[in-house]
Amino acid sequence: LHAGATEHDERGVYVSFEENASDIEEA
């Protein structure tokens, strides 16, 4: 998702059933 947004002007969605948003951002 990071490469899509920063290198290809492609927006992304992260759907997590296991982590909070803050956990994903920390990772």
PDB file of all heavy atoms in Angstrom:
ATOM      1  N   LEU A   1       0.827  -1.209   0.000  1.00  0.00           N
ATOM      2  CA  LEU A   1       0.000   0.000   0.000  1.00  0.00           C
ATOM      3  C   LEU A   1       0.860   1.257   0.000  1.00  0.00           C
ATOM      4  O   LEU A   1       0.528   2.245  -0.669  1.00  0.00           O
ATOM      5  CB  LEU A   1      -0.929   0.006   1.213  1.00  0.00           C
ATOM      6  CG  LEU A   1      -1.982  -1.108   1.281  1.00  0.00           C
ATOM      7  CD1 LEU A   1      -2.887  -0.885   2.489  1.00  0.00           C
ATOM      8  CD2 LEU A   1      -2.810  -1.178   0.001  1.00  0.00           C
ATOM      9  N   HIS A   2       1.963   1.229   0.741  1.00  0.00           N
ATOM     10  CA  HIS A   2       2.847   2.399   0.803  1.00  0.00           C
ATOM     11  C   HIS A   2       3.436   2.707  -0.564  1.00  0.00           C
ATOM     12  O   HIS A   2       3.457   3.865  -1.007  1.00  0.00           O
ATOM     13  CB  HIS A   2       3.963   2.144   1.822  1.00  0.00           C
ATOM     14  CG  HIS A   2       4.901   3.289   1.997  1.00  0.00           C
ATOM     15  ND1 HIS A   2       6.058   3.425   1.248  1.00  0.00           N
ATOM     16  CD2 HIS A   2       4.857   4.374   2.827  1.00  0.00           C
ATOM     17  CE1 HIS A   2       6.682   4.529   1.615  1.00  0.00           C
ATOM     18  NE2 HIS A   2       5.979   5.123   2.567  1.00  0.00           N
ATOM     19  N   ALA A   3       3.899   1.670  -1.260  1.00  0.00           N
ATOM     20  CA  ALA A   3       4.466   1.870  -2.600  1.00  0.00           C
ATOM     21  C   ALA A   3       3.414   2.404  -3.557  1.00  0.00           C
ATOM     22  O   ALA A   3       3.700   3.271  -4.394  1.00  0.00           O
ATOM     23  CB  ALA A   3       5.051   0.562  -3.127  1.00  0.00           C
ATOM     24  N   GLY A   4       2.206   1.887  -3.455  1.00  0.00           N
ATOM     25  CA  GLY A   4       1.140   2.372  -4.324  1.00  0.00           C
ATOM     26  C   GLY A   4       0.894   3.857  -4.149  1.00  0.00           C
ATOM     27  O   GLY A   4       0.769   4.608  -5.131  1.00  0.00           O
ATOM     28  N   ALA A   5       0.841   4.295  -2.886  1.00  0.00           N
ATOM     29  CA  ALA A   5       0.528   5.696  -2.599  1.00  0.00           C
ATOM     30  C   ALA A   5       1.683   6.635  -2.928  1.00  0.00           C
ATOM     31  O   ALA A   5       1.464   7.753  -3.425  1.00  0.00           O
ATOM     32  CB  ALA A   5       0.138   5.841  -1.128  1.00  0.00           C
ATOM     33  N   THR A   6       2.920   6.207  -2.667  1.00  0.00           N
ATOM     34  CA  THR A   6       4.062   7.107  -2.810  1.00  0.00           C
ATOM     35  C   THR A   6       4.734   7.038  -4.176  1.00  0.00           C
ATOM     36  O   THR A   6       5.372   8.011  -4.594  1.00  0.00           O
ATOM     37  CB  THR A   6       5.122   6.806  -1.731  1.00  0.00           C
ATOM     38  OG1 THR A   6       5.560   5.442  -1.852  1.00  0.00           O
ATOM     39  CG2 THR A   6       4.539   7.026  -0.334  1.00  0.00           C
ATOM     40  N   GLU A   7       4.607   5.905  -4.869  1.00  0.00           N
ATOM     41  CA  GLU A   7       5.331   5.736  -6.130  1.00  0.00           C
ATOM     42  C   GLU A   7       4.434   5.672  -7.359  1.00  0.00           C
ATOM     43  O   GLU A   7       4.906   5.905  -8.478  1.00  0.00           O
ATOM     44  CB  GLU A   7       6.185   4.449  -6.069  1.00  0.00           C
ATOM     45  CG  GLU A   7       7.216   4.452  -4.954  1.00  0.00           C
ATOM     46  CD  GLU A   7       7.953   3.132  -4.828  1.00  0.00           C
ATOM     47  OE1 GLU A   7       7.887   2.333  -5.798  1.00  0.00           O
ATOM     48  OE2 GLU A   7       8.556   2.886  -3.778  1.00  0.00           O
ATOM     49  N   HIS A   8       3.156   5.339  -7.169  1.00  0.00           N
ATOM     50  CA  HIS A   8       2.297   5.098  -8.330  1.00  0.00           C
ATOM     51  C   HIS A   8       0.982   5.880  -8.290  1.00  0.00           C
ATOM     52  O   HIS A   8       0.126   5.659  -9.147  1.00  0.00           O
ATOM     53  CB  HIS A   8       1.995   3.597  -8.450  1.00  0.00           C
ATOM     54  CG  HIS A   8       3.220   2.744  -8.536  1.00  0.00           C
ATOM     55  ND1 HIS A   8       3.979   2.649  -9.685  1.00  0.00           N
ATOM     56  CD2 HIS A   8       3.842   1.974  -7.600  1.00  0.00           C
ATOM     57  CE1 HIS A   8       5.010   1.839  -9.465  1.00  0.00           C
ATOM     58  NE2 HIS A   8       4.943   1.419  -8.215  1.00  0.00           N
ATOM     59  N   ASP A   9       0.835   6.768  -7.316  1.00  0.00           N
ATOM     60  CA  ASP A   9      -0.379   7.575  -7.201  1.00  0.00           C
ATOM     61  C   ASP A   9      -1.630   6.690  -7.148  1.00  0.00           C
ATOM     62  O   ASP A   9      -2.637   6.982  -7.789  1.00  0.00           O
ATOM     63  CB  ASP A   9      -0.473   8.566  -8.360  1.00  0.00           C
ATOM     64  CG  ASP A   9      -1.511   9.669  -8.105  1.00  0.00           C
ATOM     65  OD1 ASP A   9      -1.774   9.980  -6.927  1.00  0.00           O
ATOM     66  OD2 ASP A   9      -2.062  10.203  -9.082  1.00  0.00           O
ATOM     67  N   GLU A  10      -1.536   5.605  -6.378  1.00  0.00           N
ATOM     68  CA  GLU A  10      -2.635   4.657  -6.241  1.00  0.00           C
ATOM     69  C   GLU A  10      -3.066   4.591  -4.778  1.00  0.00           C
ATOM     70  O   GLU A  10      -2.258   4.262  -3.907  1.00  0.00           O
ATOM     71  CB  GLU A  10      -2.219   3.269  -6.744  1.00  0.00           C
ATOM     72  CG  GLU A  10      -1.937   3.245  -8.236  1.00  0.00           C
ATOM     73  CD  GLU A  10      -1.501   1.864  -8.734  1.00  0.00           C
ATOM     74  OE1 GLU A  10      -1.241   0.988  -7.901  1.00  0.00           O
ATOM     75  OE2 GLU A  10      -1.432   1.700  -9.966  1.00  0.00           O
ATOM     76  N   ARG A  11      -4.321   4.877  -4.538  1.00  0.00           N
ATOM     77  CA  ARG A  11      -4.847   4.855  -3.166  1.00  0.00           C
ATOM     78  C   ARG A  11      -5.105   3.415  -2.722  1.00  0.00           C
ATOM     79  O   ARG A  11      -5.385   2.532  -3.544  1.00  0.00           O
ATOM     80  CB  ARG A  11      -6.131   5.676  -3.065  1.00  0.00           C
ATOM     81  CG  ARG A  11      -5.952   7.138  -3.434  1.00  0.00           C
ATOM     82  CD  ARG A  11      -7.291   7.846  -3.398  1.00  0.00           C
ATOM     83  NE  ARG A  11      -7.750   8.046  -2.024  1.00  0.00           N
ATOM     84  CZ  ARG A  11      -9.030   8.285  -1.681  1.00  0.00           C
ATOM     85  NH1 ARG A  11      -9.964   8.284  -2.629  1.00  0.00           N
ATOM     86  NH2 ARG A  11      -9.363   8.476  -0.427  1.00  0.00           N
ATOM     87  N   GLY A  12      -5.011   3.186  -1.412  1.00  0.00           N
ATOM     88  CA  GLY A  12      -5.154   1.831  -0.900  1.00  0.00           C
ATOM     89  C   GLY A  12      -6.031   1.751   0.334  1.00  0.00           C
ATOM     90  O   GLY A  12      -6.244   2.741   1.038  1.00  0.00           O
ATOM     91  N   VAL A  13      -6.524   0.536   0.594  1.00  0.00           N
ATOM     92  CA  VAL A  13      -7.353   0.251   1.766  1.00  0.00           C
ATOM     93  C   VAL A  13      -6.735  -0.917   2.518  1.00  0.00           C
ATOM     94  O   VAL A  13      -6.402  -1.950   1.914  1.00  0.00           O
ATOM     95  CB  VAL A  13      -8.802  -0.122   1.365  1.00  0.00           C
ATOM     96  CG1 VAL A  13      -9.654  -0.384   2.608  1.00  0.00           C
ATOM     97  CG2 VAL A  13      -9.419   0.967   0.504  1.00  0.00           C
ATOM     98  N   TYR A  14      -6.571  -0.758   3.831  1.00  0.00           N
ATOM     99  CA  TYR A  14      -6.096  -1.842   4.680  1.00  0.00           C
ATOM    100  C   TYR A  14      -7.258  -2.256   5.580  1.00  0.00           C
ATOM    101  O   TYR A  14      -7.729  -1.470   6.395  1.00  0.00           O
ATOM    102  CB  TYR A  14      -4.906  -1.373   5.526  1.00  0.00           C
ATOM    103  CG  TYR A  14      -4.087  -2.504   6.116  1.00  0.00           C
ATOM    104  CD1 TYR A  14      -2.776  -2.741   5.697  1.00  0.00           C
ATOM    105  CD2 TYR A  14      -4.616  -3.337   7.099  1.00  0.00           C
ATOM    106  CE1 TYR A  14      -2.022  -3.781   6.221  1.00  0.00           C
ATOM    107  CE2 TYR A  14      -3.871  -4.381   7.629  1.00  0.00           C
ATOM    108  CZ  TYR A  14      -2.574  -4.588   7.196  1.00  0.00           C
ATOM    109  OH  TYR A  14      -1.832  -5.622   7.718  1.00  0.00           O
ATOM    110  N   VAL A  15      -7.735  -3.494   5.423  1.00  0.00           N
ATOM    111  CA  VAL A  15      -8.825  -4.032   6.228  1.00  0.00           C
ATOM    112  C   VAL A  15      -8.229  -5.033   7.206  1.00  0.00           C
ATOM    113  O   VAL A  15      -7.675  -6.055   6.792  1.00  0.00           O
ATOM    114  CB  VAL A  15      -9.892  -4.726   5.349  1.00  0.00           C
ATOM    115  CG1 VAL A  15     -11.052  -5.211   6.209  1.00  0.00           C
ATOM    116  CG2 VAL A  15     -10.392  -3.787   4.259  1.00  0.00           C
ATOM    117  N   SER A  16      -8.328  -4.743   8.493  1.00  0.00           N
ATOM    118  CA  SER A  16      -7.730  -5.623   9.495  1.00  0.00           C
ATOM    119  C   SER A  16      -8.780  -6.126  10.475  1.00  0.00           C
ATOM    120  O   SER A  16      -9.512  -5.332  11.072  1.00  0.00           O
ATOM    121  CB  SER A  16      -6.623  -4.893  10.266  1.00  0.00           C
ATOM    122  OG  SER A  16      -6.106  -5.736  11.278  1.00  0.00           O
ATOM    123  N   PHE A  17      -8.822  -7.438  10.629  1.00  0.00           N
ATOM    124  CA  PHE A  17      -9.666  -8.063  11.643  1.00  0.00           C
ATOM    125  C   PHE A  17      -8.866  -8.359  12.911  1.00  0.00           C
ATOM    126  O   PHE A  17      -9.418  -8.899  13.864  1.00  0.00           O
ATOM    127  CB  PHE A  17     -10.250  -9.373  11.105  1.00  0.00           C
ATOM    128  CG  PHE A  17     -11.288  -9.189  10.037  1.00  0.00           C
ATOM    129  CD1 PHE A  17     -10.938  -9.259   8.701  1.00  0.00           C
ATOM    130  CD2 PHE A  17     -12.614  -8.944  10.358  1.00  0.00           C
ATOM    131  CE1 PHE A  17     -11.890  -9.098   7.706  1.00  0.00           C
ATOM    132  CE2 PHE A  17     -13.571  -8.778   9.372  1.00  0.00           C
ATOM    133  CZ  PHE A  17     -13.210  -8.855   8.044  1.00  0.00           C
ATOM    134  N   GLU A  18      -7.574  -8.013  12.922  1.00  0.00           N
ATOM    135  CA  GLU A  18      -6.713  -8.429  14.028  1.00  0.00           C
ATOM    136  C   GLU A  18      -6.018  -7.277  14.737  1.00  0.00           C
ATOM    137  O   GLU A  18      -5.586  -7.441  15.883  1.00  0.00           O
ATOM    138  CB  GLU A  18      -5.665  -9.420  13.512  1.00  0.00           C
ATOM    139  CG  GLU A  18      -6.278 -10.676  12.888  1.00  0.00           C
ATOM    140  CD  GLU A  18      -5.242 -11.721  12.545  1.00  0.00           C
ATOM    141  OE1 GLU A  18      -4.046 -11.463  12.763  1.00  0.00           O
ATOM    142  OE2 GLU A  18      -5.626 -12.812  12.082  1.00  0.00           O
ATOM    143  N   GLU A  19      -5.865  -6.133  14.092  1.00  0.00           N
ATOM    144  CA  GLU A  19      -5.098  -5.024  14.666  1.00  0.00           C
ATOM    145  C   GLU A  19      -5.901  -3.740  14.659  1.00  0.00           C
ATOM    146  O   GLU A  19      -6.816  -3.553  13.851  1.00  0.00           O
ATOM    147  CB  GLU A  19      -3.811  -4.800  13.864  1.00  0.00           C
ATOM    148  CG  GLU A  19      -2.899  -6.016  13.746  1.00  0.00           C
ATOM    149  CD  GLU A  19      -2.146  -6.320  15.022  1.00  0.00           C
ATOM    150  OE1 GLU A  19      -2.177  -5.485  15.946  1.00  0.00           O
ATOM    151  OE2 GLU A  19      -1.523  -7.391  15.093  1.00  0.00           O
ATOM    152  N   ASN A  20      -5.547  -2.836  15.581  1.00  0.00           N
ATOM    153  CA  ASN A  20      -6.066  -1.479  15.550  1.00  0.00           C
ATOM    154  C   ASN A  20      -5.244  -0.654  14.565  1.00  0.00           C
ATOM    155  O   ASN A  20      -4.108  -1.010  14.226  1.00  0.00           O
ATOM    156  CB  ASN A  20      -5.993  -0.837  16.939  1.00  0.00           C
ATOM    157  CG  ASN A  20      -6.936  -1.497  17.923  1.00  0.00           C
ATOM    158  OD1 ASN A  20      -8.029  -1.939  17.562  1.00  0.00           O
ATOM    159  ND2 ASN A  20      -6.524  -1.565  19.179  1.00  0.00           N
ATOM    160  N   ALA A  21      -5.787   0.467  14.134  1.00  0.00           N
ATOM    161  CA  ALA A  21      -5.088   1.325  13.176  1.00  0.00           C
ATOM    162  C   ALA A  21      -3.727   1.766  13.719  1.00  0.00           C
ATOM    163  O   ALA A  21      -2.739   1.809  12.977  1.00  0.00           O
ATOM    164  CB  ALA A  21      -5.951   2.544  12.851  1.00  0.00           C
ATOM    165  N   SER A  22      -3.670   2.056  15.008  1.00  0.00           N
ATOM    166  CA  SER A  22      -2.401   2.500  15.598  1.00  0.00           C
ATOM    167  C   SER A  22      -1.339   1.400  15.532  1.00  0.00           C
ATOM    168  O   SER A  22      -0.150   1.684  15.319  1.00  0.00           O
ATOM    169  CB  SER A  22      -2.615   2.927  17.056  1.00  0.00           C
ATOM    170  OG  SER A  22      -3.143   1.864  17.825  1.00  0.00           O
ATOM    171  N   ASP A  23      -1.743   0.145  15.679  1.00  0.00           N
ATOM    172  CA  ASP A  23      -0.802  -0.975  15.577  1.00  0.00           C
ATOM    173  C   ASP A  23      -0.224  -1.076  14.167  1.00  0.00           C
ATOM    174  O   ASP A  23       0.976  -1.338  13.989  1.00  0.00           O
ATOM    175  CB  ASP A  23      -1.496  -2.291  15.931  1.00  0.00           C
ATOM    176  CG  ASP A  23      -2.006  -2.330  17.356  1.00  0.00           C
ATOM    177  OD1 ASP A  23      -1.333  -1.773  18.237  1.00  0.00           O
ATOM    178  OD2 ASP A  23      -3.081  -2.907  17.580  1.00  0.00           O
ATOM    179  N   ILE A  24      -1.079  -0.875  13.175  1.00  0.00           N
ATOM    180  CA  ILE A  24      -0.635  -0.958  11.782  1.00  0.00           C
ATOM    181  C   ILE A  24       0.336   0.177  11.466  1.00  0.00           C
ATOM    182  O   ILE A  24       1.379  -0.031  10.833  1.00  0.00           O
ATOM    183  CB  ILE A  24      -1.854  -0.919  10.844  1.00  0.00           C
ATOM    184  CG1 ILE A  24      -2.745  -2.144  11.089  1.00  0.00           C
ATOM    185  CG2 ILE A  24      -1.419  -0.851   9.373  1.00  0.00           C
ATOM    186  CD1 ILE A  24      -4.135  -2.033  10.506  1.00  0.00           C
ATOM    187  N   GLU A  25       0.024   1.364  11.936  1.00  0.00           N
ATOM    188  CA  GLU A  25       0.895   2.512  11.692  1.00  0.00           C
ATOM    189  C   GLU A  25       2.236   2.339  12.410  1.00  0.00           C
ATOM    190  O   GLU A  25       3.285   2.712  11.876  1.00  0.00           O
ATOM    191  CB  GLU A  25       0.196   3.789  12.128  1.00  0.00           C
ATOM    192  CG  GLU A  25      -1.007   4.127  11.252  1.00  0.00           C
ATOM    193  CD  GLU A  25      -1.759   5.360  11.717  1.00  0.00           C
ATOM    194  OE1 GLU A  25      -1.145   6.224  12.372  1.00  0.00           O
ATOM    195  OE2 GLU A  25      -2.970   5.469  11.432  1.00  0.00           O
ATOM    196  N   GLU A  26       2.226   1.767  13.602  1.00  0.00           N
ATOM    197  CA  GLU A  26       3.471   1.510  14.326  1.00  0.00           C
ATOM    198  C   GLU A  26       4.309   0.455  13.605  1.00  0.00           C
ATOM    199  O   GLU A  26       5.540   0.558  13.555  1.00  0.00           O
ATOM    200  CB  GLU A  26       3.163   1.061  15.752  1.00  0.00           C
ATOM    201  CG  GLU A  26       2.662   2.185  16.650  1.00  0.00           C
ATOM    202  CD  GLU A  26       2.184   1.680  18.001  1.00  0.00           C
ATOM    203  OE1 GLU A  26       2.395   0.487  18.304  1.00  0.00           O
ATOM    204  OE2 GLU A  26       1.602   2.483  18.761  1.00  0.00           O
ATOM    205  N   ALA A  27       3.658  -0.570  13.054  1.00  0.00           N
ATOM    206  CA  ALA A  27       4.380  -1.595  12.296  1.00  0.00           C
ATOM    207  C   ALA A  27       5.042  -0.976  11.069  1.00  0.00           C
ATOM    208  O   ALA A  27       6.181  -1.320  10.713  1.00  0.00           O
ATOM    209  CB  ALA A  27       3.432  -2.716  11.891  1.00  0.00           C
TER     210      ALA A  27
END
